[in-house]
């Protein structure tokens, strides 16, 4: 029986019109990573949070544990989530 590795909490801050957001979410799904998707075009508090966290307004921002990743940075996502 395979033991599922526990990943840190993953939150994707995105907008529906962002192609890199879609790529990021598709990549996480392909790797069976559960994540919460927050649409910052509808959630102004979340939009303010990512600006406070990263100093910028661009999406996607992937929050892995407490570490924000700006953009679809596949090598860093792989490293932080242990994806081979």
PDB file of N, CA and C in Angstrom:
ATOM      1  N   UNK A   1       0.838  -1.189   0.000  1.00  0.00           N
ATOM      2  CA  UNK A   1       0.000   0.000   0.000  1.00  0.00           C
ATOM      3  C   UNK A   1       0.881   1.251   0.000  1.00  0.00           C
ATOM      4  N   UNK A   2       0.663   2.124  -0.965  1.00  0.00           N
ATOM      5  CA  UNK A   2       1.466   3.337  -1.072  1.00  0.00           C
ATOM      6  C   UNK A   2       0.983   4.373  -0.059  1.00  0.00           C
ATOM      7  N   UNK A   3       1.942   4.966   0.619  1.00  0.00           N
ATOM      8  CA  UNK A   3       1.605   6.022   1.569  1.00  0.00           C
ATOM      9  C   UNK A   3       1.672   7.344   0.809  1.00  0.00           C
ATOM     10  N   UNK A   4       0.576   8.081   0.827  1.00  0.00           N
ATOM     11  CA  UNK A   4       0.557   9.353   0.124  1.00  0.00           C
ATOM     12  C   UNK A   4       1.361  10.372   0.922  1.00  0.00           C
ATOM     13  N   UNK A   5       2.287  11.027   0.220  1.00  0.00           N
ATOM     14  CA  UNK A   5       3.114  12.018   0.892  1.00  0.00           C
ATOM     15  C   UNK A   5       2.267  13.245   1.202  1.00  0.00           C
ATOM     16  N   UNK A   6       2.435  13.774   2.402  1.00  0.00           N
ATOM     17  CA  UNK A   6       1.661  14.950   2.808  1.00  0.00           C
ATOM     18  C   UNK A   6       2.344  16.187   2.242  1.00  0.00           C
ATOM     19  N   UNK A   7       1.585  16.935   1.473  1.00  0.00           N
ATOM     20  CA  UNK A   7       2.127  18.163   0.899  1.00  0.00           C
ATOM     21  C   UNK A   7       1.711  19.349   1.752  1.00  0.00           C
ATOM     22  N   UNK A   8       2.517  20.414   1.697  1.00  0.00           N
ATOM     23  CA  UNK A   8       2.046  21.631   2.360  1.00  0.00           C
ATOM     24  C   UNK A   8       0.791  22.133   1.655  1.00  0.00           C
ATOM     25  N   UNK A   9       0.069  23.019   2.298  1.00  0.00           N
ATOM     26  CA  UNK A   9      -1.139  23.582   1.700  1.00  0.00           C
ATOM     27  C   UNK A   9      -0.754  24.373   0.446  1.00  0.00           C
ATOM     28  N   UNK A  10      -1.532  24.193  -0.616  1.00  0.00           N
ATOM     29  CA  UNK A  10      -1.255  24.874  -1.885  1.00  0.00           C
ATOM     30  C   UNK A  10      -2.471  25.727  -2.249  1.00  0.00           C
ATOM     31  N   UNK A  11      -2.213  27.016  -2.489  1.00  0.00           N
ATOM     32  CA  UNK A  11      -3.264  27.925  -2.928  1.00  0.00           C
ATOM     33  C   UNK A  11      -2.789  28.585  -4.214  1.00  0.00           C
ATOM     34  N   UNK A  12      -3.660  28.607  -5.223  1.00  0.00           N
ATOM     35  CA  UNK A  12      -3.335  29.276  -6.484  1.00  0.00           C
ATOM     36  C   UNK A  12      -4.214  30.522  -6.586  1.00  0.00           C
ATOM     37  N   UNK A  13      -3.566  31.679  -6.642  1.00  0.00           N
ATOM     38  CA  UNK A  13      -4.274  32.937  -6.878  1.00  0.00           C
ATOM     39  C   UNK A  13      -4.251  33.164  -8.381  1.00  0.00           C
ATOM     40  N   UNK A  14      -5.438  33.291  -8.989  1.00  0.00           N
ATOM     41  CA  UNK A  14      -5.492  33.322 -10.450  1.00  0.00           C
ATOM     42  C   UNK A  14      -6.657  34.181 -10.923  1.00  0.00           C
ATOM     43  N   UNK A  15      -6.724  34.343 -12.252  1.00  0.00           N
ATOM     44  CA  UNK A  15      -7.894  34.963 -12.882  1.00  0.00           C
ATOM     45  C   UNK A  15      -8.335  34.029 -14.015  1.00  0.00           C
ATOM     46  N   UNK A  16      -9.621  34.057 -14.373  1.00  0.00           N
ATOM     47  CA  UNK A  16     -10.120  33.165 -15.424  1.00  0.00           C
ATOM     48  C   UNK A  16      -9.470  33.417 -16.787  1.00  0.00           C
ATOM     49  N   UNK A  17      -9.022  34.658 -17.049  1.00  0.00           N
ATOM     50  CA  UNK A  17      -8.499  34.989 -18.376  1.00  0.00           C
ATOM     51  C   UNK A  17      -6.996  34.736 -18.516  1.00  0.00           C
ATOM     52  N   UNK A  18      -6.349  34.238 -17.462  1.00  0.00           N
ATOM     53  CA  UNK A  18      -4.884  34.110 -17.462  1.00  0.00           C
ATOM     54  C   UNK A  18      -4.439  32.732 -17.956  1.00  0.00           C
ATOM     55  N   UNK A  19      -3.750  32.690 -19.124  1.00  0.00           N
ATOM     56  CA  UNK A  19      -3.311  31.382 -19.653  1.00  0.00           C
ATOM     57  C   UNK A  19      -2.288  30.688 -18.754  1.00  0.00           C
ATOM     58  N   UNK A  20      -1.409  31.439 -18.093  1.00  0.00           N
ATOM     59  CA  UNK A  20      -0.414  30.812 -17.204  1.00  0.00           C
ATOM     60  C   UNK A  20      -1.063  30.253 -15.954  1.00  0.00           C
ATOM     61  N   UNK A  21      -2.170  30.879 -15.539  1.00  0.00           N
ATOM     62  CA  UNK A  21      -2.928  30.335 -14.397  1.00  0.00           C
ATOM     63  C   UNK A  21      -3.498  28.970 -14.760  1.00  0.00           C
ATOM     64  N   UNK A  22      -4.063  28.872 -15.968  1.00  0.00           N
ATOM     65  CA  UNK A  22      -4.627  27.587 -16.418  1.00  0.00           C
ATOM     66  C   UNK A  22      -3.528  26.526 -16.512  1.00  0.00           C
ATOM     67  N   UNK A  23      -2.371  26.899 -17.067  1.00  0.00           N
ATOM     68  CA  UNK A  23      -1.249  25.950 -17.161  1.00  0.00           C
ATOM     69  C   UNK A  23      -0.828  25.474 -15.779  1.00  0.00           C
ATOM     70  N   UNK A  24      -0.729  26.409 -14.840  1.00  0.00           N
ATOM     71  CA  UNK A  24      -0.310  26.065 -13.478  1.00  0.00           C
ATOM     72  C   UNK A  24      -1.282  25.077 -12.851  1.00  0.00           C
ATOM     73  N   UNK A  25      -2.590  25.372 -12.946  1.00  0.00           N
ATOM     74  CA  UNK A  25      -3.601  24.497 -12.326  1.00  0.00           C
ATOM     75  C   UNK A  25      -3.634  23.134 -13.008  1.00  0.00           C
ATOM     76  N   UNK A  26      -3.471  23.121 -14.327  1.00  0.00           N
ATOM     77  CA  UNK A  26      -3.455  21.851 -15.047  1.00  0.00           C
ATOM     78  C   UNK A  26      -2.242  21.013 -14.605  1.00  0.00           C
ATOM     79  N   UNK A  27      -1.104  21.663 -14.438  1.00  0.00           N
ATOM     80  CA  UNK A  27       0.110  20.968 -14.003  1.00  0.00           C
ATOM     81  C   UNK A  27      -0.082  20.359 -12.608  1.00  0.00           C
ATOM     82  N   UNK A  28      -0.659  21.136 -11.691  1.00  0.00           N
ATOM     83  CA  UNK A  28      -0.900  20.613 -10.337  1.00  0.00           C
ATOM     84  C   UNK A  28      -1.861  19.427 -10.379  1.00  0.00           C
ATOM     85  N   UNK A  29      -2.929  19.536 -11.189  1.00  0.00           N
ATOM     86  CA  UNK A  29      -3.894  18.432 -11.306  1.00  0.00           C
ATOM     87  C   UNK A  29      -3.230  17.183 -11.879  1.00  0.00           C
ATOM     88  N   UNK A  30      -2.399  17.366 -12.914  1.00  0.00           N
ATOM     89  CA  UNK A  30      -1.719  16.215 -13.521  1.00  0.00           C
ATOM     90  C   UNK A  30      -0.843  15.492 -12.500  1.00  0.00           C
ATOM     91  N   UNK A  31      -0.313  16.250 -11.543  1.00  0.00           N
ATOM     92  CA  UNK A  31       0.549  15.659 -10.522  1.00  0.00           C
ATOM     93  C   UNK A  31      -0.213  15.322  -9.247  1.00  0.00           C
ATOM     94  N   UNK A  32      -1.554  15.338  -9.350  1.00  0.00           N
ATOM     95  CA  UNK A  32      -2.437  14.968  -8.239  1.00  0.00           C
ATOM     96  C   UNK A  32      -2.163  15.770  -6.969  1.00  0.00           C
ATOM     97  N   UNK A  33      -1.883  17.072  -7.162  1.00  0.00           N
ATOM     98  CA  UNK A  33      -1.675  17.975  -6.029  1.00  0.00           C
ATOM     99  C   UNK A  33      -3.002  18.691  -5.776  1.00  0.00           C
ATOM    100  N   UNK A  34      -3.522  18.559  -4.570  1.00  0.00           N
ATOM    101  CA  UNK A  34      -4.755  19.273  -4.225  1.00  0.00           C
ATOM    102  C   UNK A  34      -4.401  20.733  -3.980  1.00  0.00           C
ATOM    103  N   UNK A  35      -5.265  21.626  -4.465  1.00  0.00           N
ATOM    104  CA  UNK A  35      -5.011  23.045  -4.232  1.00  0.00           C
ATOM    105  C   UNK A  35      -6.330  23.791  -4.149  1.00  0.00           C
ATOM    106  N   UNK A  36      -6.262  24.948  -3.533  1.00  0.00           N
ATOM    107  CA  UNK A  36      -7.418  25.829  -3.469  1.00  0.00           C
ATOM    108  C   UNK A  36      -7.174  26.917  -4.513  1.00  0.00           C
ATOM    109  N   UNK A  37      -8.171  27.180  -5.339  1.00  0.00           N
ATOM    110  CA  UNK A  37      -8.054  28.197  -6.382  1.00  0.00           C
ATOM    111  C   UNK A  37      -8.814  29.444  -5.937  1.00  0.00           C
ATOM    112  N   UNK A  38      -8.127  30.573  -5.909  1.00  0.00           N
ATOM    113  CA  UNK A  38      -8.781  31.823  -5.526  1.00  0.00           C
ATOM    114  C   UNK A  38      -8.740  32.778  -6.718  1.00  0.00           C
ATOM    115  N   UNK A  39      -9.921  33.173  -7.161  1.00  0.00           N
ATOM    116  CA  UNK A  39     -10.063  34.082  -8.302  1.00  0.00           C
ATOM    117  C   UNK A  39      -9.915  35.516  -7.795  1.00  0.00           C
ATOM    118  N   UNK A  40      -8.745  36.125  -8.052  1.00  0.00           N
ATOM    119  CA  UNK A  40      -8.494  37.468  -7.515  1.00  0.00           C
ATOM    120  C   UNK A  40      -9.263  38.558  -8.257  1.00  0.00           C
ATOM    121  N   UNK A  41      -9.863  38.222  -9.406  1.00  0.00           N
ATOM    122  CA  UNK A  41     -10.685  39.234 -10.080  1.00  0.00           C
ATOM    123  C   UNK A  41     -12.030  39.391  -9.373  1.00  0.00           C
ATOM    124  N   UNK A  42     -12.412  38.386  -8.569  1.00  0.00           N
ATOM    125  CA  UNK A  42     -13.662  38.464  -7.794  1.00  0.00           C
ATOM    126  C   UNK A  42     -13.414  38.728  -6.311  1.00  0.00           C
ATOM    127  N   UNK A  43     -12.230  38.365  -5.827  1.00  0.00           N
ATOM    128  CA  UNK A  43     -11.919  38.471  -4.399  1.00  0.00           C
ATOM    129  C   UNK A  43     -10.875  39.573  -4.173  1.00  0.00           C
ATOM    130  N   UNK A  44     -11.348  40.779  -3.894  1.00  0.00           N
ATOM    131  CA  UNK A  44     -10.438  41.926  -3.745  1.00  0.00           C
ATOM    132  C   UNK A  44      -9.512  41.788  -2.537  1.00  0.00           C
ATOM    133  N   UNK A  45      -9.990  41.130  -1.476  1.00  0.00           N
ATOM    134  CA  UNK A  45      -9.122  40.922  -0.313  1.00  0.00           C
ATOM    135  C   UNK A  45      -7.942  40.029  -0.677  1.00  0.00           C
ATOM    136  N   UNK A  46      -8.207  38.977  -1.438  1.00  0.00           N
ATOM    137  CA  UNK A  46      -7.130  38.081  -1.870  1.00  0.00           C
ATOM    138  C   UNK A  46      -6.163  38.828  -2.795  1.00  0.00           C
ATOM    139  N   UNK A  47      -6.713  39.679  -3.668  1.00  0.00           N
ATOM    140  CA  UNK A  47      -5.860  40.463  -4.555  1.00  0.00           C
ATOM    141  C   UNK A  47      -4.925  41.352  -3.744  1.00  0.00           C
ATOM    142  N   UNK A  48      -5.467  41.992  -2.704  1.00  0.00           N
ATOM    143  CA  UNK A  48      -4.621  42.829  -1.822  1.00  0.00           C
ATOM    144  C   UNK A  48      -3.583  41.975  -1.102  1.00  0.00           C
ATOM    145  N   UNK A  49      -3.988  40.780  -0.679  1.00  0.00           N
ATOM    146  CA  UNK A  49      -3.056  39.886   0.022  1.00  0.00           C
ATOM    147  C   UNK A  49      -1.851  39.539  -0.847  1.00  0.00           C
ATOM    148  N   UNK A  50      -2.091  39.209  -2.135  1.00  0.00           N
ATOM    149  CA  UNK A  50      -0.939  38.824  -2.960  1.00  0.00           C
ATOM    150  C   UNK A  50      -0.036  40.017  -3.245  1.00  0.00           C
ATOM    151  N   UNK A  51      -0.609  41.219  -3.338  1.00  0.00           N
ATOM    152  CA  UNK A  51       0.237  42.403  -3.521  1.00  0.00           C
ATOM    153  C   UNK A  51       1.088  42.614  -2.269  1.00  0.00           C
ATOM    154  N   UNK A  52       0.464  42.445  -1.099  1.00  0.00           N
ATOM    155  CA  UNK A  52       1.205  42.603   0.158  1.00  0.00           C
ATOM    156  C   UNK A  52       2.304  41.533   0.267  1.00  0.00           C
ATOM    157  N   UNK A  53       1.977  40.330  -0.164  1.00  0.00           N
ATOM    158  CA  UNK A  53       2.915  39.203  -0.054  1.00  0.00           C
ATOM    159  C   UNK A  53       4.083  39.306  -1.037  1.00  0.00           C
ATOM    160  N   UNK A  54       3.773  39.738  -2.284  1.00  0.00           N
ATOM    161  CA  UNK A  54       4.771  39.653  -3.353  1.00  0.00           C
ATOM    162  C   UNK A  54       5.227  41.015  -3.862  1.00  0.00           C
ATOM    163  N   UNK A  55       4.469  42.084  -3.533  1.00  0.00           N
ATOM    164  CA  UNK A  55       4.806  43.395  -4.053  1.00  0.00           C
ATOM    165  C   UNK A  55       4.344  43.608  -5.485  1.00  0.00           C
ATOM    166  N   UNK A  56       3.625  42.650  -6.046  1.00  0.00           N
ATOM    167  CA  UNK A  56       3.115  42.834  -7.407  1.00  0.00           C
ATOM    168  C   UNK A  56       1.728  42.258  -7.594  1.00  0.00           C
ATOM    169  N   UNK A  57       1.131  42.616  -8.740  1.00  0.00           N
ATOM    170  CA  UNK A  57      -0.258  42.228  -8.980  1.00  0.00           C
ATOM    171  C   UNK A  57      -0.393  41.076  -9.965  1.00  0.00           C
ATOM    172  N   UNK A  58       0.710  40.591 -10.500  1.00  0.00           N
ATOM    173  CA  UNK A  58       0.636  39.549 -11.519  1.00  0.00           C
ATOM    174  C   UNK A  58       0.140  38.224 -10.963  1.00  0.00           C
ATOM    175  N   UNK A  59      -0.544  37.471 -11.808  1.00  0.00           N
ATOM    176  CA  UNK A  59      -0.956  36.110 -11.469  1.00  0.00           C
ATOM    177  C   UNK A  59      -0.377  35.180 -12.533  1.00  0.00           C
ATOM    178  N   UNK A  60      -0.214  33.907 -12.288  1.00  0.00           N
ATOM    179  CA  UNK A  60      -0.581  33.254 -11.033  1.00  0.00           C
ATOM    180  C   UNK A  60       0.435  33.499  -9.924  1.00  0.00           C
ATOM    181  N   UNK A  61      -0.052  33.442  -8.699  1.00  0.00           N
ATOM    182  CA  UNK A  61       0.815  33.331  -7.533  1.00  0.00           C
ATOM    183  C   UNK A  61       0.429  32.014  -6.884  1.00  0.00           C
ATOM    184  N   UNK A  62       1.405  31.130  -6.715  1.00  0.00           N
ATOM    185  CA  UNK A  62       1.168  29.838  -6.080  1.00  0.00           C
ATOM    186  C   UNK A  62       1.754  29.932  -4.678  1.00  0.00           C
ATOM    187  N   UNK A  63       0.905  29.744  -3.690  1.00  0.00           N
ATOM    188  CA  UNK A  63       1.360  29.771  -2.305  1.00  0.00           C
ATOM    189  C   UNK A  63       1.510  28.325  -1.846  1.00  0.00           C
ATOM    190  N   UNK A  64       2.743  27.938  -1.582  1.00  0.00           N
ATOM    191  CA  UNK A  64       3.023  26.570  -1.116  1.00  0.00           C
ATOM    192  C   UNK A  64       3.487  26.702   0.328  1.00  0.00           C
ATOM    193  N   UNK A  65       2.642  26.264   1.252  1.00  0.00           N
ATOM    194  CA  UNK A  65       2.912  26.547   2.661  1.00  0.00           C
ATOM    195  C   UNK A  65       2.839  28.055   2.833  1.00  0.00           C
ATOM    196  N   UNK A  66       3.933  28.668   3.250  1.00  0.00           N
ATOM    197  CA  UNK A  66       3.940  30.129   3.390  1.00  0.00           C
ATOM    198  C   UNK A  66       4.830  30.776   2.330  1.00  0.00           C
ATOM    199  N   UNK A  67       5.245  29.987   1.334  1.00  0.00           N
ATOM    200  CA  UNK A  67       6.187  30.470   0.322  1.00  0.00           C
ATOM    201  C   UNK A  67       5.455  30.837  -0.970  1.00  0.00           C
ATOM    202  N   UNK A  68       5.411  32.140  -1.321  1.00  0.00           N
ATOM    203  CA  UNK A  68       4.752  32.526  -2.569  1.00  0.00           C
ATOM    204  C   UNK A  68       5.676  32.331  -3.776  1.00  0.00           C
ATOM    205  N   UNK A  69       5.130  31.783  -4.841  1.00  0.00           N
ATOM    206  CA  UNK A  69       5.862  31.635  -6.104  1.00  0.00           C
ATOM    207  C   UNK A  69       5.120  32.471  -7.134  1.00  0.00           C
ATOM    208  N   UNK A  70       5.829  33.386  -7.767  1.00  0.00           N
ATOM    209  CA  UNK A  70       5.203  34.262  -8.753  1.00  0.00           C
ATOM    210  C   UNK A  70       5.363  33.632 -10.129  1.00  0.00           C
ATOM    211  N   UNK A  71       4.239  33.479 -10.829  1.00  0.00           N
ATOM    212  CA  UNK A  71       4.277  32.878 -12.164  1.00  0.00           C
ATOM    213  C   UNK A  71       4.315  31.362 -12.095  1.00  0.00           C
ATOM    214  N   UNK A  72       4.357  30.747 -13.271  1.00  0.00           N
ATOM    215  CA  UNK A  72       4.414  29.278 -13.362  1.00  0.00           C
ATOM    216  C   UNK A  72       5.881  28.869 -13.365  1.00  0.00           C
ATOM    217  N   UNK A  73       6.462  28.791 -12.157  1.00  0.00           N
ATOM    218  CA  UNK A  73       7.869  28.445 -11.987  1.00  0.00           C
ATOM    219  C   UNK A  73       7.943  26.949 -11.684  1.00  0.00           C
ATOM    220  N   UNK A  74       7.921  26.164 -12.775  1.00  0.00           N
ATOM    221  CA  UNK A  74       7.834  24.707 -12.632  1.00  0.00           C
ATOM    222  C   UNK A  74       8.970  24.115 -11.790  1.00  0.00           C
ATOM    223  N   UNK A  75      10.241  24.506 -12.011  1.00  0.00           N
ATOM    224  CA  UNK A  75      11.325  23.925 -11.185  1.00  0.00           C
ATOM    225  C   UNK A  75      11.134  24.176  -9.688  1.00  0.00           C
ATOM    226  N   UNK A  76      10.681  25.373  -9.329  1.00  0.00           N
ATOM    227  CA  UNK A  76      10.493  25.678  -7.913  1.00  0.00           C
ATOM    228  C   UNK A  76       9.271  24.957  -7.343  1.00  0.00           C
ATOM    229  N   UNK A  77       8.192  24.885  -8.128  1.00  0.00           N
ATOM    230  CA  UNK A  77       7.005  24.128  -7.707  1.00  0.00           C
ATOM    231  C   UNK A  77       7.395  22.669  -7.473  1.00  0.00           C
ATOM    232  N   UNK A  78       8.145  22.091  -8.418  1.00  0.00           N
ATOM    233  CA  UNK A  78       8.596  20.694  -8.287  1.00  0.00           C
ATOM    234  C   UNK A  78       9.413  20.504  -7.017  1.00  0.00           C
ATOM    235  N   UNK A  79      10.324  21.435  -6.770  1.00  0.00           N
ATOM    236  CA  UNK A  79      11.213  21.321  -5.611  1.00  0.00           C
ATOM    237  C   UNK A  79      10.408  21.385  -4.314  1.00  0.00           C
ATOM    238  N   UNK A  80       9.510  22.363  -4.205  1.00  0.00           N
ATOM    239  CA  UNK A  80       8.777  22.552  -2.952  1.00  0.00           C
ATOM    240  C   UNK A  80       7.741  21.450  -2.713  1.00  0.00           C
ATOM    241  N   UNK A  81       7.255  20.824  -3.797  1.00  0.00           N
ATOM    242  CA  UNK A  81       6.235  19.774  -3.625  1.00  0.00           C
ATOM    243  C   UNK A  81       6.801  18.371  -3.817  1.00  0.00           C
ATOM    244  N   UNK A  82       8.096  18.278  -4.091  1.00  0.00           N
ATOM    245  CA  UNK A  82       8.711  16.963  -4.255  1.00  0.00           C
ATOM    246  C   UNK A  82       8.243  16.236  -5.497  1.00  0.00           C
ATOM    247  N   UNK A  83       7.932  16.985  -6.572  1.00  0.00           N
ATOM    248  CA  UNK A  83       7.506  16.360  -7.832  1.00  0.00           C
ATOM    249  C   UNK A  83       8.765  16.009  -8.623  1.00  0.00           C
ATOM    250  N   UNK A  84       8.833  14.766  -9.075  1.00  0.00           N
ATOM    251  CA  UNK A  84      10.019  14.324  -9.842  1.00  0.00           C
ATOM    252  C   UNK A  84       9.815  14.572 -11.308  1.00  0.00           C
TER     253      UNK A  84
END
